[in-house]
Amino acid sequence: MSNKPIPCIVGFGGLTPAGRASHSLGYSRMIYEIESEANKNNYLKSVLSLCEMIPENLDNEELSKFLKDNEKQVLDNTLMRKLEHKFCRETFWSYDYDMPANACAQLPFKLNPTTHYASRQHPKALGMSIVGISDALSDTGLDLRNVIDKYGRHKVGCFAGCAVMNMDRYSGDGLFASHPLGERATSKQISFTLPEMPADFINAYVTGSLGITGHFIGACATSLYNLNAGVELIKNGKSELVIVGASEAILGPPAYIGFAAMGAMATDERMTTLQGLLGEGEKLNYRNYCRPFGDNMGMVCGESSGFAILMSDRLAIETGANIRGSFLNVNINADGNKKSISGPGAGNYFSVGKTFKDVETVFGEEVLKNKSAFLAHGTGTPLNRITESHIMSTFAKEFGVNNLPVSSVKSKLGHTMGAAGMDQIWCAMGATESQKMTGICTIPKLAEDVFTENLDFFLEDREFDSKTDVVFLNSKGFGGNNATSAFISADLTQELLEKRHGKSDVSNWMKMKENTEEKRSSNKQMAVNNEIVPIYDFDKDVLDIQDLKITKNNIKTSTGFDYKIESDLDEKDFN
């Protein structure tokens, strides 16, 4: 086995159309119909508390009744649903526009995270980043900021951002619409429009990181591009703790105008025609607009944020981290020559094929053939259903996988652009932990042109037929950006750790982990019971010139940090 560090995921959080991504709370909404009653109640409570809708001083009996009475309201105001026009008017200066589509996947109950901390007119996507990373830190069960201080703030990585850009009145929309509408542009709007702002704000106001940072844009594959950066940073030993993520909030005229012009969007007109052809009546069903691998006509926009905390296996064991899974590799391939920049090319065959080979190489045929599932990109467009199903079917046959479980989370969460891969990650964790997979519940059957050989499309939420430890994640970005990875379950990751570190070290880690799990359990109850508690340390521990003592060998700070100045290079490599 390679001595390269194993990138382990030790926490995940975010704000999604399902609610919080932490502690698998959001995943309870994805599999709500087959979820346990206890998890249903925790979920309902988490959403209602998140949105400040639970009355104070309810006893247990009153709370139970309140949750039951508001169950339908929570379900109606999460996942895919009708766009809130009032929300758009409040968010965009350029709203005076007849929207071509009225389906979307918004945050629950029009939740606006920027109202929960001193946001100073932050764009919504940036607010989702601050709350989302705070949610992820809670999910670890560790005092992660203390870990960062101990390990070294200059050795922490962060890769996060959006694919499109921040585009509400406090960013892109405000910048571009201000002059023609006679409004005043602000000095913040140009910087808030930049797609790497989530990483910048996490570093500045949450972790105080002085390490490597950035954001890799790969259109709809952006999340997995950032994941790749984090995974590679850990594998090459340059860092042992990396935050990766994305945040996208594009529900409004700028995005809808553009995607409708491209012909990629599930518009109301298209949906009316499709429902007529399928005999589904004239009344529009906003829940069913996104139909991956069924008879369909376009994608549906969503908004979401998600952040994964990655550690090397060494640091995870040393700190007693709760390892929820791992990523051994991310494969990225361009499409090469093709007829149009928006059409698919050959690149995704390479990224998917290499990921199948990765799993077979590390875990063998048994895991690949019998313990794997696939979360497809699954946009809900006619071309995607053909091309991606052919890719999945082809490699399932080539590698001898007879009934590969397949689903797409976009049927419920919409297409969240840069955050789409993060949606897949928290759903993959939820699937392996619950052994239940969210289904494509928006279609009664597959379209006739979908390739089905060796595939088992989940058209409803259901339990896996056998223990599943690997979930493939596939992203196909506009322009030819393809990224594929495999999420490895906590159980299978532990087997890797035992091979590398021995049962004794793993046993010691598991004893340390008990404290982490106890804290994590407490944090989960806070997430269920409390409102948003963002971490936003504005104007704290700011370092100025006089706060630094610099020599050629180190930098000392007035806040107590001492950093060695060392080269990563070795002269032997150049002789």
Protein backbone atom coordinates (compact mmCIF):
# COMPACT_ATOMS: atom_id res chain seq x y z
CA MET A 1 0.00 0.00 0.00
CA SER A 2 1.23 3.55 -0.82
CA ASN A 3 2.65 5.64 1.98
CA LYS A 4 0.85 8.70 0.70
CA PRO A 5 -1.46 10.25 3.31
CA ILE A 6 -5.13 9.30 3.10
CA PRO A 7 -7.42 12.37 2.83
CA CYS A 8 -10.13 11.70 5.42
CA ILE A 9 -13.32 13.73 5.76
CA VAL A 10 -13.89 14.58 9.43
CA GLY A 11 -16.78 17.01 9.15
CA PHE A 12 -19.27 18.45 6.72
CA GLY A 13 -21.74 21.32 6.93
CA GLY A 14 -23.65 23.83 4.89
CA LEU A 15 -27.01 25.35 4.11
CA THR A 16 -29.03 23.54 1.45
CA PRO A 17 -32.63 23.38 0.18
CA ALA A 18 -33.03 20.49 2.62
CA GLY A 19 -31.72 22.47 5.61
CA ARG A 20 -28.45 21.92 7.47
CA ALA A 21 -25.99 19.54 5.83
CA SER A 22 -24.28 18.76 9.15
CA HIS A 23 -24.93 15.63 11.22
CA SER A 24 -26.84 14.10 8.24
CA LEU A 25 -29.84 16.27 9.18
CA GLY A 26 -30.42 17.38 5.59
CA TYR A 27 -30.18 13.82 4.34
CA SER A 28 -33.17 12.90 6.49
CA ARG A 29 -35.21 15.16 4.20
CA MET A 30 -33.82 13.41 1.11
CA ILE A 31 -35.06 10.02 2.33
CA TYR A 32 -37.97 11.34 4.40
CA GLU A 33 -40.50 8.74 3.27
CA ILE A 34 -38.37 5.85 4.59
CA GLU A 35 -36.65 7.67 7.46
CA SER A 36 -37.12 6.67 11.12
CA GLU A 37 -39.60 8.66 13.21
CA ALA A 38 -36.84 9.85 15.56
CA ASN A 39 -34.78 11.21 12.67
CA LYS A 40 -37.89 12.79 11.13
CA ASN A 41 -38.57 14.67 14.36
CA ASN A 42 -34.95 15.80 14.64
CA TYR A 43 -35.12 17.01 11.08
CA LEU A 44 -38.37 18.94 11.51
CA LYS A 45 -37.04 20.54 14.67
CA SER A 46 -33.73 21.47 13.03
CA VAL A 47 -35.45 23.30 10.15
CA LEU A 48 -37.97 25.11 12.32
CA SER A 49 -35.28 26.20 14.77
CA LEU A 50 -32.96 27.19 11.91
CA CYS A 51 -35.69 29.49 10.61
CA GLU A 52 -36.62 30.77 14.12
CA MET A 53 -40.16 29.41 13.95
CA ILE A 54 -40.43 27.43 17.21
CA PRO A 55 -42.23 29.27 20.05
CA GLU A 56 -40.34 29.60 23.31
CA ASN A 57 -40.98 27.58 26.47
CA LEU A 58 -42.78 24.60 24.90
CA ASP A 59 -42.77 21.45 27.01
CA ASN A 60 -42.05 18.09 25.36
CA GLU A 61 -45.70 17.30 24.68
CA GLU A 62 -46.38 20.75 23.23
CA LEU A 63 -43.24 20.54 21.09
CA SER A 64 -44.20 17.13 19.70
CA LYS A 65 -47.62 18.49 18.74
CA PHE A 66 -46.04 21.60 17.20
CA LEU A 67 -43.73 19.49 15.05
CA LYS A 68 -46.57 17.28 13.89
CA ASP A 69 -48.80 20.28 13.12
CA ASN A 70 -46.00 21.91 11.08
CA GLU A 71 -44.71 18.82 9.28
CA LYS A 72 -46.51 19.59 6.03
CA GLN A 73 -45.39 23.21 6.15
CA VAL A 74 -41.74 22.15 6.51
CA LEU A 75 -42.01 19.62 3.69
CA ASP A 76 -43.72 22.18 1.45
CA ASN A 77 -41.00 24.76 2.10
CA THR A 78 -37.94 22.61 1.51
CA LEU A 79 -36.36 21.02 -1.60
CA MET A 80 -37.83 21.71 -5.06
CA ARG A 81 -40.83 24.05 -5.08
CA LYS A 82 -42.30 27.26 -6.53
CA LEU A 83 -40.02 30.29 -6.65
CA GLU A 84 -40.80 32.99 -4.09
CA HIS A 85 -41.22 36.16 -6.12
CA LYS A 86 -41.15 38.36 -3.02
CA PHE A 87 -37.75 36.90 -2.24
CA CYS A 88 -36.50 37.83 -5.72
CA ARG A 89 -37.74 41.40 -5.45
CA GLU A 90 -35.97 41.80 -2.12
CA THR A 91 -32.76 40.30 -3.45
CA PHE A 92 -32.31 41.70 -6.96
CA TRP A 93 -32.46 45.29 -8.23
CA SER A 94 -33.11 44.04 -11.74
CA TYR A 95 -36.21 42.02 -10.84
CA ASP A 96 -38.60 43.82 -13.23
CA TYR A 97 -38.72 40.82 -15.50
CA ASP A 98 -41.26 38.13 -16.37
CA MET A 99 -39.48 34.99 -15.14
CA PRO A 100 -39.47 32.14 -17.71
CA ALA A 101 -39.55 29.50 -14.96
CA ASN A 102 -41.10 29.40 -11.52
CA ALA A 103 -39.58 26.22 -10.13
CA CYS A 104 -36.45 26.30 -8.00
CA ALA A 105 -34.80 24.77 -4.95
CA GLN A 106 -34.48 27.54 -2.34
CA LEU A 107 -33.20 27.44 1.21
CA PRO A 108 -36.00 26.49 3.63
CA PHE A 109 -38.62 29.18 4.22
CA LYS A 110 -36.67 31.86 2.34
CA LEU A 111 -33.92 31.65 4.98
CA ASN A 112 -31.42 34.48 4.64
CA PRO A 113 -28.24 33.68 6.61
CA THR A 114 -26.86 37.23 6.35
CA THR A 115 -29.40 38.40 8.93
CA HIS A 116 -27.87 36.12 11.58
CA TYR A 117 -24.49 37.84 11.98
CA ALA A 118 -22.91 41.26 11.41
CA SER A 119 -22.82 40.73 7.67
CA ARG A 120 -22.41 44.36 6.57
CA GLN A 121 -24.41 43.87 3.38
CA HIS A 122 -22.88 40.58 2.32
CA PRO A 123 -24.27 38.76 -0.72
CA LYS A 124 -26.44 35.80 0.21
CA ALA A 125 -23.92 33.25 -1.10
CA LEU A 126 -21.26 34.75 1.17
CA GLY A 127 -23.60 34.53 4.15
CA MET A 128 -24.26 30.90 3.25
CA SER A 129 -20.49 30.38 3.34
CA ILE A 130 -20.06 31.85 6.83
CA VAL A 131 -22.94 29.84 8.25
CA GLY A 132 -22.01 26.75 6.22
CA ILE A 133 -18.39 26.57 7.43
CA SER A 134 -19.59 27.18 11.01
CA ASP A 135 -21.98 24.26 10.53
CA ALA A 136 -19.10 22.10 9.25
CA LEU A 137 -16.91 22.94 12.27
CA SER A 138 -19.79 21.86 14.51
CA ASP A 139 -20.02 18.56 12.68
CA THR A 140 -16.39 17.66 13.48
CA GLY A 141 -16.96 17.53 17.24
CA LEU A 142 -13.47 19.04 17.61
CA ASP A 143 -12.23 22.44 18.64
CA LEU A 144 -10.91 22.71 15.14
CA ARG A 145 -9.67 26.25 15.45
CA ASN A 146 -7.50 25.12 18.36
CA VAL A 147 -6.22 22.27 16.17
CA ILE A 148 -5.39 24.81 13.48
CA ASP A 149 -3.51 27.00 15.96
CA LYS A 150 -1.56 24.00 17.27
CA TYR A 151 -0.72 22.62 13.83
CA GLY A 152 0.08 26.03 12.38
CA ARG A 153 -2.17 28.52 10.64
CA HIS A 154 0.26 28.70 7.75
CA LYS A 155 -0.20 24.97 7.06
CA VAL A 156 -3.97 25.01 6.65
CA GLY A 157 -5.48 24.96 3.17
CA CYS A 158 -8.78 26.38 1.99
CA PHE A 159 -10.37 26.11 -1.47
CA ALA A 160 -13.88 27.48 -1.80
CA GLY A 161 -16.04 29.70 -3.97
CA CYS A 162 -18.81 29.73 -6.55
CA ALA A 163 -19.05 28.83 -10.22
CA VAL A 164 -21.17 31.64 -11.61
CA MET A 165 -20.46 34.60 -9.33
CA ASN A 166 -22.20 36.29 -6.46
CA MET A 167 -25.10 38.00 -8.16
CA ASP A 168 -27.58 39.77 -5.89
CA ARG A 169 -28.02 43.49 -5.16
CA TYR A 170 -24.98 43.47 -2.88
CA SER A 171 -22.72 42.04 -5.58
CA GLY A 172 -22.99 41.45 -9.33
CA ASP A 173 -26.61 42.45 -9.85
CA GLY A 174 -26.14 45.60 -7.80
CA LEU A 175 -22.93 46.46 -9.62
CA PHE A 176 -24.30 46.00 -13.14
CA ALA A 177 -27.83 47.27 -12.56
CA SER A 178 -27.03 50.30 -10.40
CA HIS A 179 -26.28 52.82 -13.14
CA PRO A 180 -29.15 52.02 -15.57
CA LEU A 181 -31.61 51.91 -12.63
CA GLY A 182 -30.36 55.15 -11.15
CA GLU A 183 -29.10 53.43 -8.03
CA ARG A 184 -25.79 53.98 -6.26
CA ALA A 185 -23.08 51.36 -6.62
CA THR A 186 -21.01 50.66 -3.51
CA SER A 187 -17.31 50.10 -3.02
CA LYS A 188 -17.98 46.53 -1.88
CA GLN A 189 -19.91 45.27 -4.87
CA ILE A 190 -16.96 44.66 -7.17
CA SER A 191 -15.06 42.61 -4.58
CA PHE A 192 -18.16 40.72 -3.44
CA THR A 193 -18.77 39.70 -7.05
CA LEU A 194 -15.48 37.77 -7.17
CA PRO A 195 -16.04 33.99 -7.02
CA GLU A 196 -13.24 33.24 -4.50
CA MET A 197 -14.78 35.38 -1.73
CA PRO A 198 -15.97 32.35 0.33
CA ALA A 199 -12.37 31.16 0.76
CA ASP A 200 -11.18 34.69 1.54
CA PHE A 201 -13.80 35.22 4.24
CA ILE A 202 -13.24 31.80 5.81
CA ASN A 203 -9.53 32.56 6.10
CA ALA A 204 -10.02 36.10 7.40
CA TYR A 205 -12.94 35.71 9.80
CA VAL A 206 -13.35 32.05 10.72
CA THR A 207 -10.05 30.13 10.81
CA GLY A 208 -7.43 32.88 10.61
CA SER A 209 -5.62 30.69 8.10
CA LEU A 210 -2.32 31.89 6.65
CA GLY A 211 -1.89 28.83 4.44
CA ILE A 212 -2.47 27.98 0.81
CA THR A 213 -5.81 29.22 -0.48
CA GLY A 214 -7.76 29.71 -3.67
CA HIS A 215 -10.66 28.55 -5.75
CA PHE A 216 -10.82 26.36 -8.84
CA ILE A 217 -13.69 27.09 -11.20
CA GLY A 218 -14.86 24.21 -13.35
CA ALA A 219 -18.44 25.33 -14.07
CA CYS A 220 -20.77 22.68 -12.63
CA ALA A 221 -17.76 20.58 -11.62
CA THR A 222 -16.39 23.36 -9.40
CA SER A 223 -16.93 21.50 -6.11
CA LEU A 224 -14.96 18.49 -7.25
CA TYR A 225 -12.23 20.77 -8.65
CA ASN A 226 -11.85 22.27 -5.16
CA LEU A 227 -12.00 18.78 -3.66
CA ASN A 228 -9.18 17.73 -5.97
CA ALA A 229 -7.05 20.64 -4.78
CA GLY A 230 -7.59 19.63 -1.16
CA VAL A 231 -7.02 15.93 -1.76
CA GLU A 232 -3.80 16.54 -3.67
CA LEU A 233 -2.51 18.96 -1.04
CA ILE A 234 -2.91 16.28 1.61
CA LYS A 235 -1.56 13.45 -0.57
CA ASN A 236 1.63 15.36 -1.40
CA GLY A 237 2.21 16.17 2.27
CA LYS A 238 2.02 19.96 1.95
CA SER A 239 -0.89 20.16 4.35
CA GLU A 240 -2.71 17.93 6.80
CA LEU A 241 -5.88 19.97 7.15
CA VAL A 242 -7.81 21.47 4.23
CA ILE A 243 -11.25 23.03 3.95
CA VAL A 244 -12.97 22.59 0.59
CA GLY A 245 -16.36 23.83 -0.46
CA ALA A 246 -18.63 25.95 -2.57
CA SER A 247 -21.55 28.32 -2.17
CA GLU A 248 -23.99 29.33 -4.88
CA ALA A 249 -27.07 31.55 -4.71
CA ILE A 250 -28.26 32.44 -8.21
CA LEU A 251 -32.06 32.29 -7.97
CA GLY A 252 -33.03 35.41 -9.82
CA PRO A 253 -33.31 37.19 -13.18
CA PRO A 254 -29.62 37.25 -14.26
CA ALA A 255 -29.25 33.46 -14.14
CA TYR A 256 -32.75 32.67 -15.36
CA ILE A 257 -32.42 34.98 -18.36
CA GLY A 258 -29.13 33.39 -19.34
CA PHE A 259 -30.08 29.75 -18.90
CA ALA A 260 -33.44 30.24 -20.61
CA ALA A 261 -31.67 31.85 -23.59
CA MET A 262 -29.39 28.79 -23.78
CA GLY A 263 -32.40 26.50 -23.92
CA ALA A 264 -31.08 24.59 -20.90
CA MET A 265 -33.78 25.53 -18.42
CA ALA A 266 -37.02 23.76 -17.55
CA THR A 267 -39.30 26.72 -18.32
CA ASP A 268 -43.00 26.88 -17.49
CA GLU A 269 -43.84 26.77 -21.21
CA ARG A 270 -41.73 23.65 -21.75
CA MET A 271 -43.17 22.01 -18.65
CA THR A 272 -46.74 22.69 -19.77
CA THR A 273 -46.00 21.04 -23.11
CA LEU A 274 -44.29 18.06 -21.51
CA GLN A 275 -47.08 17.47 -18.99
CA GLY A 276 -49.55 17.55 -21.86
CA LEU A 277 -47.57 14.98 -23.84
CA LEU A 278 -47.31 12.71 -20.78
CA GLY A 279 -50.99 13.10 -19.85
CA GLU A 280 -50.17 14.74 -16.51
CA GLY A 281 -52.73 17.55 -16.78
CA GLU A 282 -52.38 21.32 -17.18
CA LYS A 283 -51.64 22.32 -13.57
CA LEU A 284 -47.89 22.78 -13.20
CA ASN A 285 -46.21 20.51 -10.65
CA TYR A 286 -43.17 22.49 -9.50
CA ARG A 287 -41.87 19.51 -7.53
CA ASN A 288 -41.39 17.50 -10.70
CA TYR A 289 -39.67 20.03 -12.94
CA CYS A 290 -36.27 18.33 -12.68
CA ARG A 291 -36.47 14.83 -14.18
CA PRO A 292 -33.04 13.21 -14.54
CA PHE A 293 -33.08 10.22 -16.91
CA GLY A 294 -36.83 10.50 -17.50
CA ASP A 295 -38.81 12.33 -20.18
CA ASN A 296 -37.53 15.83 -19.53
CA MET A 297 -36.74 19.22 -21.01
CA GLY A 298 -34.25 21.11 -18.85
CA MET A 299 -32.57 21.82 -15.56
CA VAL A 300 -33.92 23.63 -12.51
CA CYS A 301 -31.77 26.10 -10.57
CA GLY A 302 -31.07 25.67 -6.87
CA GLU A 303 -29.02 27.38 -4.17
CA SER A 304 -26.73 25.60 -1.73
CA SER A 305 -23.51 25.77 0.24
CA GLY A 306 -21.37 22.89 1.44
CA PHE A 307 -17.98 22.59 3.17
CA ALA A 308 -15.92 19.50 3.85
CA ILE A 309 -13.15 19.37 6.47
CA LEU A 310 -10.34 17.12 5.24
CA MET A 311 -7.49 15.76 7.35
CA SER A 312 -4.61 13.45 6.66
CA ASP A 313 -5.06 10.06 8.28
CA ARG A 314 -2.13 10.89 10.58
CA LEU A 315 -3.68 14.07 11.93
CA ALA A 316 -7.14 12.47 12.14
CA ILE A 317 -5.81 9.63 14.30
CA GLU A 318 -3.65 11.98 16.37
CA THR A 319 -6.58 14.29 17.19
CA GLY A 320 -9.21 11.59 17.70
CA ALA A 321 -11.25 12.95 14.81
CA ASN A 322 -14.53 11.37 13.78
CA ILE A 323 -13.69 10.01 10.33
CA ARG A 324 -16.86 9.97 8.24
CA GLY A 325 -15.14 8.67 5.10
CA SER A 326 -12.34 9.45 2.69
CA PHE A 327 -11.41 10.42 -0.84
CA LEU A 328 -8.43 8.66 -2.37
CA ASN A 329 -8.43 10.53 -5.66
CA VAL A 330 -10.28 12.95 -7.93
CA ASN A 331 -10.03 12.48 -11.70
CA ILE A 332 -10.42 15.53 -13.93
CA ASN A 333 -10.52 15.47 -17.72
CA ALA A 334 -11.34 17.98 -20.42
CA ASP A 335 -13.61 17.05 -23.31
CA GLY A 336 -11.11 17.70 -26.07
CA ASN A 337 -12.42 18.29 -29.61
CA LYS A 338 -16.20 18.59 -29.91
CA LYS A 339 -18.90 20.24 -32.02
CA SER A 340 -20.05 22.85 -29.50
CA ILE A 341 -18.67 24.27 -26.26
CA SER A 342 -21.94 23.48 -24.45
CA GLY A 343 -22.23 19.89 -25.70
CA PRO A 344 -20.62 16.87 -24.02
CA GLY A 345 -17.41 15.31 -25.25
CA ALA A 346 -15.19 12.34 -24.47
CA GLY A 347 -13.64 13.62 -21.24
CA ASN A 348 -16.17 12.13 -18.84
CA TYR A 349 -15.43 8.63 -20.14
CA PHE A 350 -11.84 9.12 -18.98
CA SER A 351 -12.72 10.54 -15.54
CA VAL A 352 -15.34 7.86 -14.80
CA GLY A 353 -13.21 5.01 -16.16
CA LYS A 354 -10.19 6.07 -14.09
CA THR A 355 -12.33 6.28 -10.94
CA PHE A 356 -13.66 2.75 -11.49
CA LYS A 357 -10.05 1.66 -11.90
CA ASP A 358 -9.08 3.51 -8.68
CA VAL A 359 -11.66 1.58 -6.65
CA GLU A 360 -10.74 -1.75 -8.23
CA THR A 361 -7.02 -1.11 -7.63
CA VAL A 362 -7.35 -0.22 -3.93
CA PHE A 363 -10.26 -2.40 -2.82
CA GLY A 364 -10.56 -5.17 -5.40
CA GLU A 365 -13.37 -6.47 -7.58
CA GLU A 366 -15.69 -7.46 -4.73
CA VAL A 367 -16.14 -3.90 -3.45
CA LEU A 368 -16.48 -2.47 -6.95
CA LYS A 369 -18.97 -5.06 -8.14
CA ASN A 370 -21.10 -5.50 -5.05
CA LYS A 371 -20.61 -2.57 -2.68
CA SER A 372 -20.75 0.48 -4.95
CA ALA A 373 -23.37 3.03 -6.04
CA PHE A 374 -23.35 6.01 -8.41
CA LEU A 375 -24.62 9.59 -7.90
CA ALA A 376 -24.89 10.89 -11.43
CA HIS A 377 -24.59 14.49 -12.53
CA GLY A 378 -28.17 14.02 -13.79
CA THR A 379 -29.16 17.52 -14.86
CA GLY A 380 -32.61 16.71 -16.19
CA THR A 381 -31.78 17.58 -19.81
CA PRO A 382 -32.46 15.28 -22.78
CA LEU A 383 -28.81 15.15 -23.89
CA ASN A 384 -27.46 14.41 -20.40
CA ARG A 385 -29.76 11.44 -19.90
CA ILE A 386 -28.34 9.81 -23.04
CA THR A 387 -24.65 10.61 -22.68
CA GLU A 388 -24.21 10.06 -18.94
CA SER A 389 -26.29 6.87 -18.87
CA HIS A 390 -24.11 5.51 -21.69
CA ILE A 391 -20.96 6.32 -19.69
CA MET A 392 -22.29 4.59 -16.56
CA SER A 393 -23.61 1.58 -18.44
CA THR A 394 -20.41 1.18 -20.46
CA PHE A 395 -18.11 1.05 -17.45
CA ALA A 396 -20.47 -1.03 -15.36
CA LYS A 397 -20.33 -3.66 -18.13
CA GLU A 398 -16.58 -3.35 -18.63
CA PHE A 399 -15.86 -3.82 -14.91
CA GLY A 400 -18.46 -6.54 -14.39
CA VAL A 401 -20.84 -4.56 -12.18
CA ASN A 402 -24.24 -6.14 -12.79
CA ASN A 403 -26.73 -3.86 -11.02
CA LEU A 404 -25.03 -0.58 -10.18
CA PRO A 405 -27.43 1.57 -8.08
CA VAL A 406 -27.85 4.99 -9.73
CA SER A 407 -29.54 8.20 -8.60
CA SER A 408 -29.29 11.97 -9.00
CA VAL A 409 -29.80 14.42 -6.14
CA LYS A 410 -30.71 17.26 -8.53
CA SER A 411 -34.23 15.86 -8.78
CA LYS A 412 -34.75 17.21 -5.24
CA LEU A 413 -32.04 19.83 -4.74
CA GLY A 414 -32.01 21.41 -8.19
CA HIS A 415 -28.85 22.30 -10.08
CA THR A 416 -26.82 24.28 -7.57
CA MET A 417 -24.03 24.92 -10.09
CA GLY A 418 -20.70 25.21 -8.27
CA ALA A 419 -22.13 23.62 -5.11
CA ALA A 420 -23.58 20.57 -6.93
CA GLY A 421 -20.62 18.33 -6.06
CA MET A 422 -20.86 19.31 -2.40
CA ASP A 423 -24.52 18.26 -2.48
CA GLN A 424 -23.37 14.88 -3.76
CA ILE A 425 -20.80 14.53 -0.96
CA TRP A 426 -23.21 15.02 1.94
CA CYS A 427 -25.74 12.77 0.23
CA ALA A 428 -23.06 10.08 -0.27
CA MET A 429 -22.20 10.26 3.43
CA GLY A 430 -25.86 10.02 4.34
CA ALA A 431 -26.34 7.05 2.01
CA THR A 432 -23.42 5.02 3.40
CA GLU A 433 -24.30 5.86 7.01
CA SER A 434 -28.00 5.03 6.67
CA GLN A 435 -27.63 2.41 3.89
CA LYS A 436 -30.56 4.18 2.23
CA MET A 437 -30.27 6.02 -1.08
CA THR A 438 -32.33 8.97 -2.21
CA GLY A 439 -34.18 8.19 -5.41
CA ILE A 440 -35.18 10.07 -8.56
CA CYS A 441 -38.75 10.45 -7.34
CA THR A 442 -39.84 12.93 -10.02
CA ILE A 443 -40.22 10.43 -12.86
CA PRO A 444 -42.56 7.43 -13.14
CA LYS A 445 -40.22 5.66 -15.56
CA LEU A 446 -36.98 6.07 -17.49
CA ALA A 447 -36.97 7.67 -20.92
CA GLU A 448 -36.73 5.21 -23.81
CA ASP A 449 -33.33 6.51 -24.96
CA VAL A 450 -31.65 5.99 -21.57
CA PHE A 451 -29.00 3.26 -21.46
CA THR A 452 -29.94 0.85 -18.68
CA GLU A 453 -27.75 -2.23 -19.13
CA ASN A 454 -25.98 -3.20 -15.88
CA LEU A 455 -27.61 -0.23 -14.09
CA ASP A 456 -30.27 -0.12 -11.36
CA PHE A 457 -31.87 3.33 -11.40
CA PHE A 458 -33.46 4.19 -8.04
CA LEU A 459 -36.79 5.82 -8.91
CA GLU A 460 -37.78 5.91 -5.26
CA ASP A 461 -36.01 6.24 -1.94
CA ARG A 462 -34.96 2.78 -0.86
CA GLU A 463 -32.48 0.72 1.09
CA PHE A 464 -29.51 -0.79 -0.67
CA ASP A 465 -29.84 -4.49 -1.47
CA SER A 466 -26.42 -5.13 0.08
CA LYS A 467 -23.86 -3.22 2.17
CA THR A 468 -22.62 -0.25 0.18
CA ASP A 469 -19.24 1.33 0.95
CA VAL A 470 -18.37 3.30 -2.18
CA VAL A 471 -20.40 6.04 -3.87
CA PHE A 472 -19.17 7.45 -7.17
CA LEU A 473 -19.66 11.20 -7.63
CA ASN A 474 -19.82 12.54 -11.17
CA SER A 475 -19.80 16.17 -12.35
CA LYS A 476 -19.99 17.41 -15.94
CA GLY A 477 -19.25 21.12 -16.20
CA PHE A 478 -20.25 23.47 -19.01
CA GLY A 479 -17.42 23.89 -21.48
CA GLY A 480 -15.96 20.43 -21.03
CA ASN A 481 -14.99 20.25 -17.33
CA ASN A 482 -15.41 16.68 -16.10
CA ALA A 483 -14.62 15.49 -12.60
CA THR A 484 -15.29 12.14 -10.95
CA SER A 485 -14.41 10.82 -7.52
CA ALA A 486 -15.39 8.02 -5.20
CA PHE A 487 -16.56 8.61 -1.64
CA ILE A 488 -15.28 5.83 0.63
CA SER A 489 -17.41 4.94 3.66
CA ALA A 490 -16.21 5.28 7.26
CA ASP A 491 -16.11 1.48 7.66
CA LEU A 492 -13.99 0.91 4.55
CA THR A 493 -11.72 3.83 5.49
CA GLN A 494 -11.14 2.25 8.89
CA GLU A 495 -10.00 -0.94 7.16
CA LEU A 496 -7.40 1.15 5.31
CA LEU A 497 -6.28 2.71 8.57
CA GLU A 498 -5.83 -0.69 10.21
CA LYS A 499 -3.63 -1.86 7.32
CA ARG A 500 -1.49 1.24 7.56
CA HIS A 501 -1.33 2.01 11.28
CA GLY A 502 -2.07 -1.38 12.87
CA LYS A 503 -4.93 -2.38 15.11
CA SER A 504 -3.23 -0.99 18.23
CA ASP A 505 -3.00 2.59 16.90
CA VAL A 506 -6.51 2.36 15.49
CA SER A 507 -7.79 1.09 18.85
CA ASN A 508 -6.18 4.08 20.60
CA TRP A 509 -7.70 6.42 18.02
CA MET A 510 -11.15 4.93 18.62
CA LYS A 511 -10.80 5.51 22.37
CA MET A 512 -9.86 9.15 21.74
CA LYS A 513 -12.74 9.42 19.29
CA GLU A 514 -15.24 8.68 22.06
CA ASN A 515 -14.73 12.20 23.42
CA THR A 516 -15.11 13.63 19.92
CA GLU A 517 -18.32 11.71 19.34
CA GLU A 518 -19.69 12.88 22.69
CA LYS A 519 -18.99 16.50 21.74
CA ARG A 520 -20.35 15.92 18.26
CA SER A 521 -23.56 14.50 19.75
CA SER A 522 -23.88 17.64 21.86
CA ASN A 523 -23.27 19.80 18.78
CA LYS A 524 -25.95 17.88 16.92
CA GLN A 525 -28.48 18.68 19.60
CA MET A 526 -27.50 22.34 19.31
CA ALA A 527 -28.04 22.13 15.56
CA VAL A 528 -31.43 20.52 16.15
CA ASN A 529 -32.56 22.83 18.95
CA ASN A 530 -30.90 26.17 18.39
CA GLU A 531 -30.82 28.94 15.87
CA ILE A 532 -27.85 29.63 13.63
CA VAL A 533 -24.63 30.28 15.55
CA PRO A 534 -22.19 31.61 12.94
CA ILE A 535 -18.48 32.14 13.61
CA TYR A 536 -17.52 35.55 12.29
CA ASP A 537 -14.52 37.10 14.04
CA PHE A 538 -14.39 40.43 12.28
CA ASP A 539 -11.49 42.66 13.37
CA LYS A 540 -9.99 40.02 15.71
CA ASP A 541 -6.25 39.26 15.98
CA VAL A 542 -5.50 41.49 13.02
CA LEU A 543 -1.76 41.57 12.34
CA ASP A 544 -0.10 44.82 11.32
CA ILE A 545 3.54 45.64 10.56
CA GLN A 546 4.40 46.30 14.21
CA ASP A 547 2.92 42.92 15.19
CA LEU A 548 5.53 40.97 13.22
CA LYS A 549 9.12 40.16 14.18
CA ILE A 550 10.86 38.82 11.11
CA THR A 551 14.16 37.01 10.59
CA LYS A 552 15.33 34.90 7.68
CA ASN A 553 14.34 31.77 9.60
CA ASN A 554 11.02 32.64 11.21
CA ILE A 555 8.15 35.07 11.70
CA LYS A 556 6.89 35.74 15.23
CA THR A 557 3.57 37.48 15.86
CA SER A 558 2.16 39.49 18.75
CA THR A 559 -0.71 36.99 18.95
CA GLY A 560 1.65 34.21 19.98
CA PHE A 561 2.30 32.38 16.74
CA ASP A 562 5.80 31.43 15.64
CA TYR A 563 6.26 30.34 12.04
CA LYS A 564 9.42 28.83 10.61
CA ILE A 565 10.46 29.99 7.15
CA GLU A 566 11.38 26.81 5.32
CA SER A 567 11.71 25.85 1.68
CA ASP A 568 9.77 22.92 0.27
CA LEU A 569 12.55 22.35 -2.21
CA ASP A 570 15.58 20.10 -1.90
CA GLU A 571 18.72 20.96 -3.86
CA LYS A 572 19.25 17.23 -4.50
CA ASP A 573 16.18 17.29 -6.74
CA PHE A 574 17.94 19.72 -9.06
CA ASN A 575 21.36 18.07 -9.27
